[in-house]
N, C-alpha and C. Protein backbone atom coordinates (compact mmCIF):
# COMPACT_ATOMS: atom_id res chain seq x y z
N UNK A 1 75.20 88.21 101.27
CA UNK A 1 76.33 89.01 101.68
C UNK A 1 75.80 90.18 102.51
N UNK A 2 76.42 90.42 103.65
CA UNK A 2 75.98 91.52 104.50
C UNK A 2 76.58 92.84 104.02
N UNK A 3 76.05 93.92 104.56
CA UNK A 3 76.55 95.24 104.19
C UNK A 3 78.00 95.44 104.58
N UNK A 4 78.38 94.85 105.71
CA UNK A 4 79.77 94.96 106.18
C UNK A 4 80.73 94.26 105.22
N UNK A 5 80.34 93.11 104.71
CA UNK A 5 81.18 92.39 103.75
C UNK A 5 81.28 93.14 102.43
N UNK A 6 80.19 93.74 102.00
CA UNK A 6 80.20 94.54 100.77
C UNK A 6 81.13 95.74 100.94
N UNK A 7 81.09 96.35 102.12
CA UNK A 7 81.97 97.48 102.41
C UNK A 7 83.44 97.06 102.27
N UNK A 8 83.77 95.89 102.80
CA UNK A 8 85.15 95.40 102.70
C UNK A 8 85.55 95.15 101.25
N UNK A 9 84.65 94.66 100.45
CA UNK A 9 84.94 94.44 99.03
C UNK A 9 85.19 95.77 98.33
N UNK A 10 84.39 96.78 98.63
CA UNK A 10 84.56 98.10 98.02
C UNK A 10 85.91 98.69 98.42
N UNK A 11 86.27 98.60 99.70
CA UNK A 11 87.55 99.15 100.16
C UNK A 11 88.71 98.40 99.51
N UNK A 12 88.63 97.08 99.46
CA UNK A 12 89.69 96.29 98.84
C UNK A 12 89.83 96.63 97.36
N UNK A 13 88.72 96.71 96.65
CA UNK A 13 88.77 97.01 95.21
C UNK A 13 89.36 98.40 94.96
N UNK A 14 88.93 99.40 95.73
CA UNK A 14 89.46 100.75 95.51
C UNK A 14 90.95 100.82 95.84
N UNK A 15 91.38 100.10 96.87
CA UNK A 15 92.79 100.08 97.22
C UNK A 15 93.62 99.42 96.13
N UNK A 16 93.15 98.29 95.61
CA UNK A 16 93.88 97.61 94.55
C UNK A 16 93.94 98.44 93.26
N UNK A 17 92.82 99.07 92.89
CA UNK A 17 92.83 99.92 91.70
C UNK A 17 93.72 101.14 91.90
N UNK A 18 93.71 101.71 93.10
CA UNK A 18 94.59 102.84 93.38
C UNK A 18 96.05 102.45 93.29
N UNK A 19 96.40 101.29 93.84
CA UNK A 19 97.79 100.81 93.76
C UNK A 19 98.19 100.53 92.32
N UNK A 20 97.27 99.98 91.54
CA UNK A 20 97.57 99.70 90.13
C UNK A 20 97.78 101.01 89.35
N UNK A 21 96.96 102.01 89.62
CA UNK A 21 97.12 103.30 88.96
C UNK A 21 98.44 103.96 89.32
N UNK A 22 98.81 103.87 90.59
CA UNK A 22 100.08 104.43 91.02
C UNK A 22 101.26 103.68 90.38
N UNK A 23 101.14 102.37 90.28
CA UNK A 23 102.20 101.58 89.64
C UNK A 23 102.35 101.96 88.17
N UNK A 24 101.25 102.18 87.49
CA UNK A 24 101.31 102.59 86.08
C UNK A 24 102.01 103.93 85.95
N UNK A 25 101.66 104.89 86.84
CA UNK A 25 102.29 106.20 86.76
C UNK A 25 103.79 106.13 87.06
N UNK A 26 104.17 105.28 88.00
CA UNK A 26 105.58 105.20 88.37
C UNK A 26 106.42 104.40 87.37
N UNK A 27 105.82 103.38 86.76
CA UNK A 27 106.57 102.52 85.85
C UNK A 27 106.54 102.97 84.40
N UNK A 28 105.63 103.84 84.03
CA UNK A 28 105.52 104.28 82.64
C UNK A 28 106.81 104.90 82.11
N UNK A 29 107.51 105.74 82.89
CA UNK A 29 108.76 106.28 82.35
C UNK A 29 109.82 105.21 82.07
N UNK A 30 109.76 104.09 82.75
CA UNK A 30 110.71 103.01 82.51
C UNK A 30 110.38 102.22 81.26
N UNK A 31 109.11 102.17 80.91
CA UNK A 31 108.66 101.37 79.78
C UNK A 31 108.69 102.17 78.47
N UNK A 32 108.24 103.42 78.53
CA UNK A 32 108.14 104.26 77.33
C UNK A 32 109.24 105.31 77.35
N UNK A 33 109.73 105.66 76.17
CA UNK A 33 110.71 106.76 76.10
C UNK A 33 110.05 108.08 76.48
N UNK A 34 108.87 108.30 75.98
CA UNK A 34 108.07 109.45 76.41
C UNK A 34 106.68 108.92 76.76
N UNK A 35 106.08 109.43 77.82
CA UNK A 35 104.77 108.91 78.21
C UNK A 35 103.73 109.12 77.12
N UNK A 36 102.82 108.16 76.97
CA UNK A 36 101.74 108.35 75.99
C UNK A 36 100.93 109.61 76.34
N UNK A 37 100.40 110.28 75.33
CA UNK A 37 99.67 111.54 75.59
C UNK A 37 98.49 111.35 76.54
N UNK A 38 97.80 110.23 76.43
CA UNK A 38 96.66 110.00 77.32
C UNK A 38 97.08 109.87 78.77
N UNK A 39 98.24 109.27 79.01
CA UNK A 39 98.72 109.11 80.38
C UNK A 39 99.14 110.46 80.96
N UNK A 40 99.77 111.28 80.16
CA UNK A 40 100.19 112.59 80.65
C UNK A 40 98.98 113.46 81.01
N UNK A 41 97.92 113.38 80.21
CA UNK A 41 96.73 114.18 80.49
C UNK A 41 95.96 113.67 81.70
N UNK A 42 95.96 112.37 81.91
CA UNK A 42 95.14 111.81 82.99
C UNK A 42 95.89 111.64 84.30
N UNK A 43 97.14 112.05 84.36
CA UNK A 43 97.94 111.90 85.58
C UNK A 43 97.27 112.55 86.80
N UNK A 44 96.76 113.80 86.73
CA UNK A 44 96.11 114.38 87.91
C UNK A 44 94.87 113.60 88.37
N UNK A 45 94.13 113.07 87.41
CA UNK A 45 92.94 112.28 87.76
C UNK A 45 93.34 110.99 88.47
N UNK A 46 94.35 110.32 87.96
CA UNK A 46 94.81 109.07 88.57
C UNK A 46 95.36 109.34 89.97
N UNK A 47 96.12 110.42 90.13
CA UNK A 47 96.63 110.76 91.46
C UNK A 47 95.49 111.09 92.43
N UNK A 48 94.46 111.74 91.94
CA UNK A 48 93.28 112.02 92.77
C UNK A 48 92.58 110.75 93.20
N UNK A 49 92.47 109.80 92.29
CA UNK A 49 91.85 108.51 92.63
C UNK A 49 92.70 107.72 93.62
N UNK A 50 94.02 107.81 93.48
CA UNK A 50 94.91 107.14 94.44
C UNK A 50 94.73 107.77 95.82
N UNK A 51 94.66 109.08 95.87
CA UNK A 51 94.42 109.76 97.15
C UNK A 51 93.07 109.40 97.75
N UNK A 52 92.05 109.31 96.90
CA UNK A 52 90.72 108.91 97.39
C UNK A 52 90.72 107.49 97.94
N UNK A 53 91.43 106.60 97.26
CA UNK A 53 91.52 105.22 97.75
C UNK A 53 92.25 105.16 99.08
N UNK A 54 93.31 105.96 99.22
CA UNK A 54 94.04 105.99 100.50
C UNK A 54 93.16 106.56 101.61
N UNK A 55 92.40 107.60 101.30
CA UNK A 55 91.51 108.19 102.31
C UNK A 55 90.42 107.20 102.72
N UNK A 56 89.88 106.46 101.75
CA UNK A 56 88.86 105.46 102.05
C UNK A 56 89.43 104.35 102.92
N UNK A 57 90.65 103.92 102.63
CA UNK A 57 91.29 102.88 103.42
C UNK A 57 91.53 103.36 104.85
N UNK A 58 92.00 104.58 105.01
CA UNK A 58 92.24 105.12 106.35
C UNK A 58 90.92 105.29 107.10
N UNK A 59 89.89 105.80 106.43
CA UNK A 59 88.59 105.96 107.08
C UNK A 59 88.02 104.62 107.50
N UNK A 60 88.20 103.61 106.67
CA UNK A 60 87.70 102.27 107.01
C UNK A 60 88.46 101.73 108.21
N UNK A 61 89.75 101.91 108.24
CA UNK A 61 90.56 101.39 109.35
C UNK A 61 90.20 102.09 110.66
N UNK A 62 90.04 103.41 110.61
CA UNK A 62 89.74 104.14 111.84
C UNK A 62 88.29 104.01 112.25
N UNK A 63 87.39 104.04 111.28
CA UNK A 63 85.96 104.06 111.60
C UNK A 63 85.37 102.70 111.90
N UNK A 64 85.67 101.72 111.08
CA UNK A 64 85.05 100.41 111.23
C UNK A 64 85.80 99.56 112.24
N UNK A 65 87.12 99.58 112.18
CA UNK A 65 87.90 98.69 113.02
C UNK A 65 88.46 99.37 114.26
N UNK A 66 88.35 100.68 114.34
CA UNK A 66 88.82 101.40 115.51
C UNK A 66 90.33 101.33 115.68
N UNK A 67 91.05 101.18 114.59
CA UNK A 67 92.51 101.10 114.64
C UNK A 67 93.11 102.46 114.86
N UNK A 68 94.39 102.49 115.08
CA UNK A 68 95.10 103.75 115.23
C UNK A 68 96.20 103.83 114.19
N UNK A 69 96.52 105.06 113.80
CA UNK A 69 97.59 105.25 112.82
C UNK A 69 98.86 105.24 113.56
């Protein structure tokens, strides 16, 4: 596997994990009457990871593929 392919795997994995974290934060109020204590405490961390995944995806699109927003 080349470095470029590994880079794509890292970007894909971070994007999928970020989307999953965001889905958990958005759907938790629908599933639970009150959010579990661990979810309430870790919400800022999950949002930071979602932002990091989005930044990595944008950097990959602009830097590697030369795309435009």
